[in-house]
PDB file of N, CA and C in Angstrom:
ATOM      1  N   MET A   1     100.350 198.637-146.319  1.00  0.00           N
ATOM      2  CA  MET A   1      99.484 198.773-145.168  1.00  0.00           C
ATOM      3  C   MET A   1      98.033 198.470-145.553  1.00  0.00           C
ATOM      4  N   PHE A   2      97.584 198.999-146.680  1.00  0.00           N
ATOM      5  CA  PHE A   2      96.205 198.802-147.123  1.00  0.00           C
ATOM      6  C   PHE A   2      95.914 197.318-147.348  1.00  0.00           C
ATOM      7  N   ASN A   3      96.830 196.595-147.991  1.00  0.00           N
ATOM      8  CA  ASN A   3      96.623 195.169-148.245  1.00  0.00           C
ATOM      9  C   ASN A   3      96.531 194.371-146.956  1.00  0.00           C
ATOM     10  N   TYR A   4      97.332 194.737-145.954  1.00  0.00           N
ATOM     11  CA  TYR A   4      97.295 194.062-144.665  1.00  0.00           C
ATOM     12  C   TYR A   4      95.932 194.277-144.006  1.00  0.00           C
ATOM     13  N   LEU A   5      95.409 195.494-144.036  1.00  0.00           N
ATOM     14  CA  LEU A   5      94.115 195.809-143.451  1.00  0.00           C
ATOM     15  C   LEU A   5      93.002 195.056-144.191  1.00  0.00           C
ATOM     16  N   LYS A   6      93.087 195.040-145.495  1.00  0.00           N
ATOM     17  CA  LYS A   6      92.087 194.347-146.306  1.00  0.00           C
ATOM     18  C   LYS A   6      92.106 192.846-146.001  1.00  0.00           C
ATOM     19  N   LEU A   7      93.290 192.266-145.888  1.00  0.00           N
ATOM     20  CA  LEU A   7      93.430 190.851-145.583  1.00  0.00           C
ATOM     21  C   LEU A   7      92.884 190.543-144.193  1.00  0.00           C
ATOM     22  N   THR A   8      93.193 191.394-143.226  1.00  0.00           N
ATOM     23  CA  THR A   8      92.707 191.205-141.859  1.00  0.00           C
ATOM     24  C   THR A   8      91.179 191.249-141.824  1.00  0.00           C
ATOM     25  N   MET A   9      90.594 192.217-142.504  1.00  0.00           N
ATOM     26  CA  MET A   9      89.135 192.339-142.538  1.00  0.00           C
ATOM     27  C   MET A   9      88.502 191.125-143.223  1.00  0.00           C
ATOM     28  N   THR A  10      89.129 190.621-144.263  1.00  0.00           N
ATOM     29  CA  THR A  10      88.607 189.457-144.965  1.00  0.00           C
ATOM     30  C   THR A  10      88.556 188.254-144.033  1.00  0.00           C
ATOM     31  N   PHE A  11      89.639 188.006-143.290  1.00  0.00           N
ATOM     32  CA  PHE A  11      89.668 186.888-142.354  1.00  0.00           C
ATOM     33  C   PHE A  11      88.668 187.073-141.225  1.00  0.00           C
ATOM     34  N   TRP A  12      88.483 188.292-140.764  1.00  0.00           N
ATOM     35  CA  TRP A  12      87.529 188.583-139.700  1.00  0.00           C
ATOM     36  C   TRP A  12      86.108 188.277-140.164  1.00  0.00           C
ATOM     37  N   VAL A  13      85.758 188.724-141.358  1.00  0.00           N
ATOM     38  CA  VAL A  13      84.423 188.465-141.907  1.00  0.00           C
ATOM     39  C   VAL A  13      84.228 186.966-142.126  1.00  0.00           C
ATOM     40  N   MET A  14      85.243 186.287-142.644  1.00  0.00           N
ATOM     41  CA  MET A  14      85.148 184.843-142.850  1.00  0.00           C
ATOM     42  C   MET A  14      84.947 184.126-141.519  1.00  0.00           C
ATOM     43  N   GLY A  15      85.617 184.597-140.482  1.00  0.00           N
ATOM     44  CA  GLY A  15      85.471 184.001-139.160  1.00  0.00           C
ATOM     45  C   GLY A  15      84.058 184.153-138.624  1.00  0.00           C
ATOM     46  N   LEU A  16      83.476 185.328-138.792  1.00  0.00           N
ATOM     47  CA  LEU A  16      82.101 185.549-138.343  1.00  0.00           C
ATOM     48  C   LEU A  16      81.127 184.677-139.119  1.00  0.00           C
ATOM     49  N   THR A  17      81.327 184.554-140.394  1.00  0.00           N
ATOM     50  CA  THR A  17      80.451 183.732-141.220  1.00  0.00           C
ATOM     51  C   THR A  17      80.554 182.271-140.793  1.00  0.00           C
ATOM     52  N   ALA A  18      81.746 181.801-140.563  1.00  0.00           N
ATOM     53  CA  ALA A  18      81.939 180.408-140.163  1.00  0.00           C
ATOM     54  C   ALA A  18      81.301 180.133-138.814  1.00  0.00           C
ATOM     55  N   CYS A  19      81.426 181.061-137.879  1.00  0.00           N
ATOM     56  CA  CYS A  19      80.871 180.868-136.546  1.00  0.00           C
ATOM     57  C   CYS A  19      79.352 180.802-136.567  1.00  0.00           C
ATOM     58  N   SER A  20      78.736 181.474-137.495  1.00  0.00           N
ATOM     59  CA  SER A  20      77.288 181.528-137.506  1.00  0.00           C
ATOM     60  C   SER A  20      76.644 180.196-137.863  1.00  0.00           C
ATOM     61  N   SER A  21      77.385 179.293-138.491  1.00  0.00           N
ATOM     62  CA  SER A  21      76.793 178.027-138.896  1.00  0.00           C
ATOM     63  C   SER A  21      77.261 176.856-138.038  1.00  0.00           C
ATOM     64  N   VAL A  22      78.128 177.103-137.083  1.00  0.00           N
ATOM     65  CA  VAL A  22      78.644 176.046-136.227  1.00  0.00           C
ATOM     66  C   VAL A  22      77.639 175.762-135.112  1.00  0.00           C
ATOM     67  N   PRO A  23      77.290 174.491-134.894  1.00  0.00           N
ATOM     68  CA  PRO A  23      76.358 174.189-133.806  1.00  0.00           C
ATOM     69  C   PRO A  23      76.890 174.673-132.455  1.00  0.00           C
ATOM     70  N   LEU A  24      75.995 175.194-131.644  1.00  0.00           N
ATOM     71  CA  LEU A  24      76.349 175.648-130.309  1.00  0.00           C
ATOM     72  C   LEU A  24      76.420 174.456-129.375  1.00  0.00           C
ATOM     73  N   SER A  25      77.302 174.524-128.384  1.00  0.00           N
ATOM     74  CA  SER A  25      77.326 173.476-127.368  1.00  0.00           C
ATOM     75  C   SER A  25      76.088 173.634-126.498  1.00  0.00           C
ATOM     76  N   HIS A  26      75.762 172.593-125.770  1.00  0.00           N
ATOM     77  CA  HIS A  26      74.596 172.654-124.888  1.00  0.00           C
ATOM     78  C   HIS A  26      74.748 173.795-123.881  1.00  0.00           C
ATOM     79  N   GLU A  27      75.943 173.927-123.312  1.00  0.00           N
ATOM     80  CA  GLU A  27      76.192 174.980-122.318  1.00  0.00           C
ATOM     81  C   GLU A  27      76.082 176.373-122.936  1.00  0.00           C
ATOM     82  N   ASP A  28      76.605 176.545-124.138  1.00  0.00           N
ATOM     83  CA  ASP A  28      76.555 177.849-124.798  1.00  0.00           C
ATOM     84  C   ASP A  28      75.143 178.237-125.220  1.00  0.00           C
ATOM     85  N   SER A  29      74.287 177.257-125.435  1.00  0.00           N
ATOM     86  CA  SER A  29      72.949 177.563-125.924  1.00  0.00           C
ATOM     87  C   SER A  29      71.959 177.898-124.807  1.00  0.00           C
ATOM     88  N   LEU A  30      72.291 177.580-123.554  1.00  0.00           N
ATOM     89  CA  LEU A  30      71.379 177.885-122.445  1.00  0.00           C
ATOM     90  C   LEU A  30      71.116 179.384-122.390  1.00  0.00           C
ATOM     91  N   GLY A  31      69.851 179.755-122.359  1.00  0.00           N
ATOM     92  CA  GLY A  31      69.472 181.155-122.325  1.00  0.00           C
ATOM     93  C   GLY A  31      69.348 181.808-123.688  1.00  0.00           C
ATOM     94  N   TYR A  32      69.696 181.098-124.750  1.00  0.00           N
ATOM     95  CA  TYR A  32      69.591 181.624-126.105  1.00  0.00           C
ATOM     96  C   TYR A  32      68.133 181.940-126.421  1.00  0.00           C
ATOM     97  N   THR A  33      67.889 183.094-127.022  1.00  0.00           N
ATOM     98  CA  THR A  33      66.544 183.451-127.486  1.00  0.00           C
ATOM     99  C   THR A  33      66.632 183.981-128.912  1.00  0.00           C
ATOM    100  N   ASP A  34      65.514 183.872-129.620  1.00  0.00           N
ATOM    101  CA  ASP A  34      65.440 184.381-130.981  1.00  0.00           C
ATOM    102  C   ASP A  34      63.968 184.540-131.335  1.00  0.00           C
ATOM    103  N   THR A  35      63.696 185.323-132.333  1.00  0.00           N
ATOM    104  CA  THR A  35      62.342 185.442-132.866  1.00  0.00           C
ATOM    105  C   THR A  35      62.405 185.272-134.378  1.00  0.00           C
ATOM    106  N   GLY A  36      61.311 184.799-134.930  1.00  0.00           N
ATOM    107  CA  GLY A  36      61.246 184.619-136.373  1.00  0.00           C
ATOM    108  C   GLY A  36      60.076 183.743-136.738  1.00  0.00           C
ATOM    109  N   LYS A  37      60.162 183.125-137.883  1.00  0.00           N
ATOM    110  CA  LYS A  37      59.082 182.290-138.411  1.00  0.00           C
ATOM    111  C   LYS A  37      59.315 180.820-138.063  1.00  0.00           C
ATOM    112  N   ALA A  38      58.202 180.141-137.777  1.00  0.00           N
ATOM    113  CA  ALA A  38      58.230 178.695-137.537  1.00  0.00           C
ATOM    114  C   ALA A  38      57.252 178.026-138.490  1.00  0.00           C
ATOM    115  N   SER A  39      57.619 176.851-138.915  1.00  0.00           N
ATOM    116  CA  SER A  39      56.739 176.038-139.758  1.00  0.00           C
ATOM    117  C   SER A  39      56.773 174.617-139.199  1.00  0.00           C
ATOM    118  N   PHE A  40      56.112 173.693-139.894  1.00  0.00           N
ATOM    119  CA  PHE A  40      56.178 172.300-139.459  1.00  0.00           C
ATOM    120  C   PHE A  40      56.571 171.406-140.630  1.00  0.00           C
ATOM    121  N   TYR A  41      57.106 170.250-140.268  1.00  0.00           N
ATOM    122  CA  TYR A  41      57.591 169.288-141.254  1.00  0.00           C
ATOM    123  C   TYR A  41      56.464 168.765-142.141  1.00  0.00           C
ATOM    124  N   ALA A  42      56.775 168.555-143.398  1.00  0.00           N
ATOM    125  CA  ALA A  42      55.850 167.888-144.312  1.00  0.00           C
ATOM    126  C   ALA A  42      55.754 166.413-143.927  1.00  0.00           C
ATOM    127  N   ASP A  43      54.632 165.799-144.234  1.00  0.00           N
ATOM    128  CA  ASP A  43      54.414 164.389-143.888  1.00  0.00           C
ATOM    129  C   ASP A  43      55.461 163.455-144.477  1.00  0.00           C
ATOM    130  N   LYS A  44      56.063 163.826-145.600  1.00  0.00           N
ATOM    131  CA  LYS A  44      57.034 162.930-146.247  1.00  0.00           C
ATOM    132  C   LYS A  44      58.260 162.658-145.371  1.00  0.00           C
ATOM    133  N   TYR A  45      58.493 163.484-144.336  1.00  0.00           N
ATOM    134  CA  TYR A  45      59.651 163.285-143.464  1.00  0.00           C
ATOM    135  C   TYR A  45      59.370 162.320-142.316  1.00  0.00           C
ATOM    136  N   HIS A  46      58.106 162.000-142.069  1.00  0.00           N
ATOM    137  CA  HIS A  46      57.753 161.057-140.999  1.00  0.00           C
ATOM    138  C   HIS A  46      58.426 159.712-141.281  1.00  0.00           C
ATOM    139  N   GLY A  47      59.163 159.205-140.313  1.00  0.00           N
ATOM    140  CA  GLY A  47      59.840 157.924-140.456  1.00  0.00           C
ATOM    141  C   GLY A  47      61.251 158.010-141.003  1.00  0.00           C
ATOM    142  N   ARG A  48      61.675 159.183-141.433  1.00  0.00           N
ATOM    143  CA  ARG A  48      63.044 159.345-141.945  1.00  0.00           C
ATOM    144  C   ARG A  48      64.009 159.617-140.795  1.00  0.00           C
ATOM    145  N   THR A  49      65.280 159.400-141.055  1.00  0.00           N
ATOM    146  CA  THR A  49      66.319 159.636-140.053  1.00  0.00           C
ATOM    147  C   THR A  49      66.657 161.119-140.000  1.00  0.00           C
ATOM    148  N   THR A  50      66.707 161.654-138.780  1.00  0.00           N
ATOM    149  CA  THR A  50      67.076 163.058-138.574  1.00  0.00           C
ATOM    150  C   THR A  50      68.596 163.194-138.531  1.00  0.00           C
ATOM    151  N   ALA A  51      69.066 164.421-138.488  1.00  0.00           N
ATOM    152  CA  ALA A  51      70.508 164.678-138.416  1.00  0.00           C
ATOM    153  C   ALA A  51      71.128 164.112-137.131  1.00  0.00           C
ATOM    154  N   SER A  52      70.324 163.965-136.090  1.00  0.00           N
ATOM    155  CA  SER A  52      70.844 163.406-134.830  1.00  0.00           C
ATOM    156  C   SER A  52      70.895 161.886-134.866  1.00  0.00           C
ATOM    157  N   GLY A  53      70.306 161.281-135.887  1.00  0.00           N
ATOM    158  CA  GLY A  53      70.323 159.829-136.015  1.00  0.00           C
ATOM    159  C   GLY A  53      69.042 159.148-135.571  1.00  0.00           C
ATOM    160  N   GLU A  54      68.134 159.890-134.948  1.00  0.00           N
ATOM    161  CA  GLU A  54      66.880 159.262-134.542  1.00  0.00           C
ATOM    162  C   GLU A  54      65.847 159.351-135.659  1.00  0.00           C
ATOM    163  N   ILE A  55      64.837 158.533-135.554  1.00  0.00           N
ATOM    164  CA  ILE A  55      63.775 158.504-136.557  1.00  0.00           C
ATOM    165  C   ILE A  55      62.776 159.615-136.238  1.00  0.00           C
ATOM    166  N   PHE A  56      62.446 160.415-137.252  1.00  0.00           N
ATOM    167  CA  PHE A  56      61.511 161.513-137.060  1.00  0.00           C
ATOM    168  C   PHE A  56      60.081 161.003-136.949  1.00  0.00           C
ATOM    169  N   SER A  57      59.349 161.557-135.983  1.00  0.00           N
ATOM    170  CA  SER A  57      57.937 161.239-135.805  1.00  0.00           C
ATOM    171  C   SER A  57      57.140 162.528-135.688  1.00  0.00           C
ATOM    172  N   GLN A  58      56.090 162.634-136.457  1.00  0.00           N
ATOM    173  CA  GLN A  58      55.206 163.805-136.384  1.00  0.00           C
ATOM    174  C   GLN A  58      54.493 163.882-135.031  1.00  0.00           C
ATOM    175  N   GLN A  59      54.400 162.768-134.301  1.00  0.00           N
ATOM    176  CA  GLN A  59      53.689 162.754-133.026  1.00  0.00           C
ATOM    177  C   GLN A  59      54.543 163.228-131.842  1.00  0.00           C
ATOM    178  N   LYS A  60      55.853 163.265-131.997  1.00  0.00           N
ATOM    179  CA  LYS A  60      56.723 163.698-130.899  1.00  0.00           C
ATOM    180  C   LYS A  60      56.869 165.213-130.899  1.00  0.00           C
ATOM    181  N   LEU A  61      57.198 165.753-129.748  1.00  0.00           N
ATOM    182  CA  LEU A  61      57.409 167.200-129.607  1.00  0.00           C
ATOM    183  C   LEU A  61      58.883 167.501-129.865  1.00  0.00           C
ATOM    184  N   THR A  62      59.234 167.535-131.153  1.00  0.00           N
ATOM    185  CA  THR A  62      60.622 167.757-131.556  1.00  0.00           C
ATOM    186  C   THR A  62      60.698 168.887-132.574  1.00  0.00           C
ATOM    187  N   ALA A  63      61.941 169.306-132.859  1.00  0.00           N
ATOM    188  CA  ALA A  63      62.135 170.428-133.780  1.00  0.00           C
ATOM    189  C   ALA A  63      63.517 170.380-134.399  1.00  0.00           C
ATOM    190  N   ALA A  64      63.658 171.165-135.462  1.00  0.00           N
ATOM    191  CA  ALA A  64      64.945 171.347-136.136  1.00  0.00           C
ATOM    192  C   ALA A  64      65.389 172.786-135.961  1.00  0.00           C
ATOM    193  N   HIS A  65      66.681 172.964-135.679  1.00  0.00           N
ATOM    194  CA  HIS A  65      67.281 174.287-135.589  1.00  0.00           C
ATOM    195  C   HIS A  65      68.660 174.195-136.219  1.00  0.00           C
ATOM    196  N   LYS A  66      69.121 175.284-136.803  1.00  0.00           N
ATOM    197  CA  LYS A  66      70.404 175.273-137.507  1.00  0.00           C
ATOM    198  C   LYS A  66      71.594 175.128-136.581  1.00  0.00           C
ATOM    199  N   GLN A  67      71.520 175.654-135.366  1.00  0.00           N
ATOM    200  CA  GLN A  67      72.704 175.696-134.509  1.00  0.00           C
ATOM    201  C   GLN A  67      72.560 175.078-133.129  1.00  0.00           C
ATOM    202  N   LEU A  68      71.375 175.012-132.581  1.00  0.00           N
ATOM    203  CA  LEU A  68      71.229 174.546-131.206  1.00  0.00           C
ATOM    204  C   LEU A  68      71.631 173.086-131.071  1.00  0.00           C
ATOM    205  N   ALA A  69      72.212 172.765-129.927  1.00  0.00           N
ATOM    206  CA  ALA A  69      72.696 171.408-129.675  1.00  0.00           C
ATOM    207  C   ALA A  69      71.547 170.413-129.672  1.00  0.00           C
ATOM    208  N   PHE A  70      71.809 169.227-130.222  1.00  0.00           N
ATOM    209  CA  PHE A  70      70.819 168.158-130.163  1.00  0.00           C
ATOM    210  C   PHE A  70      70.510 167.876-128.702  1.00  0.00           C
ATOM    211  N   GLY A  71      69.249 167.667-128.404  1.00  0.00           N
ATOM    212  CA  GLY A  71      68.823 167.406-127.032  1.00  0.00           C
ATOM    213  C   GLY A  71      68.399 168.649-126.277  1.00  0.00           C
ATOM    214  N   SER A  72      68.712 169.828-126.814  1.00  0.00           N
ATOM    215  CA  SER A  72      68.297 171.069-126.147  1.00  0.00           C
ATOM    216  C   SER A  72      66.785 171.125-126.058  1.00  0.00           C
ATOM    217  N   LYS A  73      66.291 171.591-124.917  1.00  0.00           N
ATOM    218  CA  LYS A  73      64.855 171.805-124.743  1.00  0.00           C
ATOM    219  C   LYS A  73      64.569 173.280-125.023  1.00  0.00           C
ATOM    220  N   VAL A  74      63.611 173.535-125.886  1.00  0.00           N
ATOM    221  CA  VAL A  74      63.322 174.885-126.344  1.00  0.00           C
ATOM    222  C   VAL A  74      61.844 175.190-126.141  1.00  0.00           C
ATOM    223  N   LYS A  75      61.576 176.314-125.495  1.00  0.00           N
ATOM    224  CA  LYS A  75      60.202 176.801-125.368  1.00  0.00           C
ATOM    225  C   LYS A  75      59.907 177.645-126.600  1.00  0.00           C
ATOM    226  N   VAL A  76      58.877 177.247-127.341  1.00  0.00           N
ATOM    227  CA  VAL A  76      58.479 177.957-128.556  1.00  0.00           C
ATOM    228  C   VAL A  76      57.128 178.608-128.270  1.00  0.00           C
ATOM    229  N   THR A  77      57.081 179.938-128.386  1.00  0.00           N
ATOM    230  CA  THR A  77      55.861 180.688-128.091  1.00  0.00           C
ATOM    231  C   THR A  77      55.337 181.361-129.351  1.00  0.00           C
ATOM    232  N   ASN A  78      54.073 181.105-129.642  1.00  0.00           N
ATOM    233  CA  ASN A  78      53.389 181.759-130.739  1.00  0.00           C
ATOM    234  C   ASN A  78      53.166 183.215-130.306  1.00  0.00           C
ATOM    235  N   ILE A  79      53.758 184.150-131.007  1.00  0.00           N
ATOM    236  CA  ILE A  79      53.694 185.559-130.624  1.00  0.00           C
ATOM    237  C   ILE A  79      52.256 186.087-130.680  1.00  0.00           C
ATOM    238  N   ARG A  80      51.466 185.595-131.596  1.00  0.00           N
ATOM    239  CA  ARG A  80      50.106 186.107-131.771  1.00  0.00           C
ATOM    240  C   ARG A  80      49.171 185.734-130.618  1.00  0.00           C
ATOM    241  N   ASN A  81      49.231 184.463-130.151  1.00  0.00           N
ATOM    242  CA  ASN A  81      48.286 184.022-129.117  1.00  0.00           C
ATOM    243  C   ASN A  81      48.935 183.668-127.779  1.00  0.00           C
ATOM    244  N   GLN A  82      50.256 183.768-127.700  1.00  0.00           N
ATOM    245  CA  GLN A  82      51.037 183.484-126.483  1.00  0.00           C
ATOM    246  C   GLN A  82      50.986 182.017-126.037  1.00  0.00           C
ATOM    247  N   LYS A  83      50.503 181.114-126.877  1.00  0.00           N
ATOM    248  CA  LYS A  83      50.555 179.689-126.553  1.00  0.00           C
ATOM    249  C   LYS A  83      51.986 179.203-126.733  1.00  0.00           C
ATOM    250  N   SER A  84      52.410 178.284-125.837  1.00  0.00           N
ATOM    251  CA  SER A  84      53.784 177.774-125.876  1.00  0.00           C
ATOM    252  C   SER A  84      53.800 176.253-125.881  1.00  0.00           C
ATOM    253  N   VAL A  85      54.891 175.723-126.390  1.00  0.00           N
ATOM    254  CA  VAL A  85      55.157 174.296-126.365  1.00  0.00           C
ATOM    255  C   VAL A  85      56.652 174.116-126.126  1.00  0.00           C
ATOM    256  N   ILE A  86      57.011 173.059-125.435  1.00  0.00           N
ATOM    257  CA  ILE A  86      58.426 172.750-125.222  1.00  0.00           C
ATOM    258  C   ILE A  86      58.790 171.582-126.132  1.00  0.00           C
ATOM    259  N   VAL A  87      59.828 171.801-126.925  1.00  0.00           N
ATOM    260  CA  VAL A  87      60.285 170.795-127.880  1.00  0.00           C
ATOM    261  C   VAL A  87      61.744 170.447-127.616  1.00  0.00           C
ATOM    262  N   ARG A  88      62.154 169.307-128.149  1.00  0.00           N
ATOM    263  CA  ARG A  88      63.550 168.873-128.067  1.00  0.00           C
ATOM    264  C   ARG A  88      64.152 168.956-129.464  1.00  0.00           C
ATOM    265  N   ILE A  89      65.329 169.559-129.571  1.00  0.00           N
ATOM    266  CA  ILE A  89      66.009 169.677-130.860  1.00  0.00           C
ATOM    267  C   ILE A  89      66.631 168.331-131.221  1.00  0.00           C
ATOM    268  N   ASN A  90      66.249 167.805-132.400  1.00  0.00           N
ATOM    269  CA  ASN A  90      66.815 166.523-132.847  1.00  0.00           C
ATOM    270  C   ASN A  90      67.173 166.524-134.332  1.00  0.00           C
ATOM    271  N   ASP A  91      67.123 167.717-134.949  1.00  0.00           N
ATOM    272  CA  ASP A  91      67.401 167.767-136.382  1.00  0.00           C
ATOM    273  C   ASP A  91      67.981 169.129-136.743  1.00  0.00           C
ATOM    274  N   ARG A  92      68.530 169.253-137.941  1.00  0.00           N
ATOM    275  CA  ARG A  92      69.058 170.514-138.465  1.00  0.00           C
ATOM    276  C   ARG A  92      68.068 171.101-139.453  1.00  0.00           C
ATOM    277  N   GLY A  93      68.019 172.398-139.513  1.00  0.00           N
ATOM    278  CA  GLY A  93      67.104 173.120-140.376  1.00  0.00           C
ATOM    279  C   GLY A  93      66.571 174.294-139.579  1.00  0.00           C
ATOM    280  N   PRO A  94      65.635 175.012-140.045  1.00  0.00           N
ATOM    281  CA  PRO A  94      65.016 174.927-141.363  1.00  0.00           C
ATOM    282  C   PRO A  94      65.933 175.478-142.447  1.00  0.00           C
ATOM    283  N   PHE A  95      65.661 175.091-143.654  1.00  0.00           N
ATOM    284  CA  PHE A  95      66.479 175.515-144.787  1.00  0.00           C
ATOM    285  C   PHE A  95      65.710 176.442-145.721  1.00  0.00           C
ATOM    286  N   VAL A  96      64.738 177.145-145.143  1.00  0.00           N
ATOM    287  CA  VAL A  96      63.966 178.152-145.861  1.00  0.00           C
ATOM    288  C   VAL A  96      64.319 179.503-145.247  1.00  0.00           C
ATOM    289  N   SER A  97      64.671 180.455-146.068  1.00  0.00           N
ATOM    290  CA  SER A  97      65.078 181.771-145.600  1.00  0.00           C
ATOM    291  C   SER A  97      64.013 182.401-144.707  1.00  0.00           C
ATOM    292  N   GLY A  98      64.456 182.964-143.587  1.00  0.00           N
ATOM    293  CA  GLY A  98      63.558 183.665-142.680  1.00  0.00           C
ATOM    294  C   GLY A  98      62.956 182.802-141.595  1.00  0.00           C
ATOM    295  N   ARG A  99      63.124 181.500-141.673  1.00  0.00           N
ATOM    296  CA  ARG A  99      62.576 180.619-140.641  1.00  0.00           C
ATOM    297  C   ARG A  99      63.642 180.285-139.612  1.00  0.00           C
ATOM    298  N   VAL A 100      63.237 180.271-138.331  1.00  0.00           N
ATOM    299  CA  VAL A 100      64.192 180.011-137.256  1.00  0.00           C
ATOM    300  C   VAL A 100      64.071 178.606-136.683  1.00  0.00           C
ATOM    301  N   ILE A 101      62.918 177.956-136.896  1.00  0.00           N
ATOM    302  CA  ILE A 101      62.724 176.618-136.342  1.00  0.00           C
ATOM    303  C   ILE A 101      61.664 175.883-137.150  1.00  0.00           C
ATOM    304  N   ASP A 102      61.850 174.577-137.302  1.00  0.00           N
ATOM    305  CA  ASP A 102      60.850 173.696-137.897  1.00  0.00           C
ATOM    306  C   ASP A 102      60.342 172.786-136.790  1.00  0.00           C
ATOM    307  N   LEU A 103      59.037 172.720-136.637  1.00  0.00           N
ATOM    308  CA  LEU A 103      58.420 171.919-135.586  1.00  0.00           C
ATOM    309  C   LEU A 103      57.787 170.662-136.156  1.00  0.00           C
ATOM    310  N   SER A 104      57.653 169.646-135.306  1.00  0.00           N
ATOM    311  CA  SER A 104      56.843 168.497-135.704  1.00  0.00           C
ATOM    312  C   SER A 104      55.394 168.975-135.816  1.00  0.00           C
ATOM    313  N   ARG A 105      54.601 168.232-136.522  1.00  0.00           N
ATOM    314  CA  ARG A 105      53.180 168.581-136.681  1.00  0.00           C
ATOM    315  C   ARG A 105      52.500 168.677-135.308  1.00  0.00           C
ATOM    316  N   SER A 106      52.796 167.739-134.432  1.00  0.00           N
ATOM    317  CA  SER A 106      52.195 167.726-133.098  1.00  0.00           C
ATOM    318  C   SER A 106      52.554 168.987-132.306  1.00  0.00           C
ATOM    319  N   ALA A 107      53.810 169.384-132.356  1.00  0.00           N
ATOM    320  CA  ALA A 107      54.248 170.581-131.624  1.00  0.00           C
ATOM    321  C   ALA A 107      53.588 171.828-132.196  1.00  0.00           C
ATOM    322  N   PHE A 108      53.563 171.947-133.514  1.00  0.00           N
ATOM    323  CA  PHE A 108      52.950 173.115-134.149  1.00  0.00           C
ATOM    324  C   PHE A 108      51.478 173.224-133.772  1.00  0.00           C
ATOM    325  N   SER A 109      50.778 172.084-133.774  1.00  0.00           N
ATOM    326  CA  SER A 109      49.336 172.088-133.508  1.00  0.00           C
ATOM    327  C   SER A 109      49.002 172.508-132.081  1.00  0.00           C
ATOM    328  N   LYS A 110      49.953 172.426-131.172  1.00  0.00           N
ATOM    329  CA  LYS A 110      49.718 172.860-129.789  1.00  0.00           C
ATOM    330  C   LYS A 110      49.717 174.380-129.652  1.00  0.00           C
ATOM    331  N   ILE A 111      50.307 175.083-130.623  1.00  0.00           N
ATOM    332  CA  ILE A 111      50.385 176.537-130.507  1.00  0.00           C
ATOM    333  C   ILE A 111      49.691 177.289-131.639  1.00  0.00           C
ATOM    334  N   ALA A 112      49.254 176.569-132.676  1.00  0.00           N
ATOM    335  CA  ALA A 112      48.599 177.236-133.807  1.00  0.00           C
ATOM    336  C   ALA A 112      47.802 176.220-134.621  1.00  0.00           C
ATOM    337  N   GLN A 113      46.894 176.727-135.410  1.00  0.00           N
ATOM    338  CA  GLN A 113      46.147 175.881-136.333  1.00  0.00           C
ATOM    339  C   GLN A 113      47.066 175.491-137.489  1.00  0.00           C
ATOM    340  N   LEU A 114      47.015 174.229-137.858  1.00  0.00           N
ATOM    341  CA  LEU A 114      47.892 173.722-138.910  1.00  0.00           C
ATOM    342  C   LEU A 114      47.708 174.450-140.235  1.00  0.00           C
ATOM    343  N   ASN A 115      46.492 174.908-140.514  1.00  0.00           N
ATOM    344  CA  ASN A 115      46.248 175.559-141.801  1.00  0.00           C
ATOM    345  C   ASN A 115      46.992 176.890-141.938  1.00  0.00           C
ATOM    346  N   LEU A 116      47.519 177.429-140.839  1.00  0.00           N
ATOM    347  CA  LEU A 116      48.315 178.655-140.927  1.00  0.00           C
ATOM    348  C   LEU A 116      49.651 178.403-141.622  1.00  0.00           C
ATOM    349  N   GLY A 117      50.231 177.229-141.388  1.00  0.00           N
ATOM    350  CA  GLY A 117      51.471 176.847-142.062  1.00  0.00           C
ATOM    351  C   GLY A 117      52.732 177.464-141.509  1.00  0.00           C
ATOM    352  N   VAL A 118      52.745 178.775-141.342  1.00  0.00           N
ATOM    353  CA  VAL A 118      53.915 179.501-140.832  1.00  0.00           C
ATOM    354  C   VAL A 118      53.416 180.542-139.835  1.00  0.00           C
ATOM    355  N   ILE A 119      54.099 180.634-138.701  1.00  0.00           N
ATOM    356  CA  ILE A 119      53.711 181.600-137.676  1.00  0.00           C
ATOM    357  C   ILE A 119      54.943 182.318-137.129  1.00  0.00           C
ATOM    358  N   ASP A 120      54.710 183.458-136.496  1.00  0.00           N
ATOM    359  CA  ASP A 120      55.776 184.189-135.813  1.00  0.00           C
ATOM    360  C   ASP A 120      55.929 183.626-134.408  1.00  0.00           C
ATOM    361  N   VAL A 121      57.191 183.333-134.038  1.00  0.00           N
ATOM    362  CA  VAL A 121      57.457 182.727-132.729  1.00  0.00           C
ATOM    363  C   VAL A 121      58.642 183.382-132.041  1.00  0.00           C
ATOM    364  N   LYS A 122      58.676 183.157-130.739  1.00  0.00           N
ATOM    365  CA  LYS A 122      59.870 183.446-129.933  1.00  0.00           C
ATOM    366  C   LYS A 122      60.364 182.092-129.456  1.00  0.00           C
ATOM    367  N   ILE A 123      61.671 181.856-129.565  1.00  0.00           N
ATOM    368  CA  ILE A 123      62.235 180.607-129.048  1.00  0.00           C
ATOM    369  C   ILE A 123      63.197 180.931-127.916  1.00  0.00           C
ATOM    370  N   GLU A 124      63.163 180.082-126.877  1.00  0.00           N
ATOM    371  CA  GLU A 124      64.016 180.243-125.707  1.00  0.00           C
ATOM    372  C   GLU A 124      64.553 178.886-125.297  1.00  0.00           C
ATOM    373  N   VAL A 125      65.874 178.739-125.212  1.00  0.00           N
ATOM    374  CA  VAL A 125      66.457 177.488-124.740  1.00  0.00           C
ATOM    375  C   VAL A 125      66.315 177.454-123.222  1.00  0.00           C
ATOM    376  N   ILE A 126      65.663 176.404-122.718  1.00  0.00           N
ATOM    377  CA  ILE A 126      65.416 176.306-121.279  1.00  0.00           C
ATOM    378  C   ILE A 126      66.217 175.188-120.628  1.00  0.00           C
ATOM    379  N   ASP A 127      66.751 174.269-121.422  1.00  0.00           N
ATOM    380  CA  ASP A 127      67.550 173.161-120.859  1.00  0.00           C
ATOM    381  C   ASP A 127      68.341 172.479-121.973  1.00  0.00           C
TER     382      ASP A 127
END
């Protein structure tokens, strides 16, 4: 009996872990909210291909998220000053612990001074 319970719990935990990294469908992501840290892409990524296949541009209002569907529109609000920007998800990331979204330089600059580097944000999928 104990081995069966242990095996069941192992599969349950593995299932939860697997689900956490699977991209959400566009429909499932509508209304999704989260809070955490946001940063912006380093200049070396300008002109490179994103996970969605498009070329990354620091001038576009785009972002990377680990799970949200490509094309999702996300309202990103700087918690400190309440400034917001709407970005389109076109890449995967961030890959730094504690960060929930990576913004293009242009998007970040609309809600915070670039010299801050990392800010606290609320993200909301709006479309």
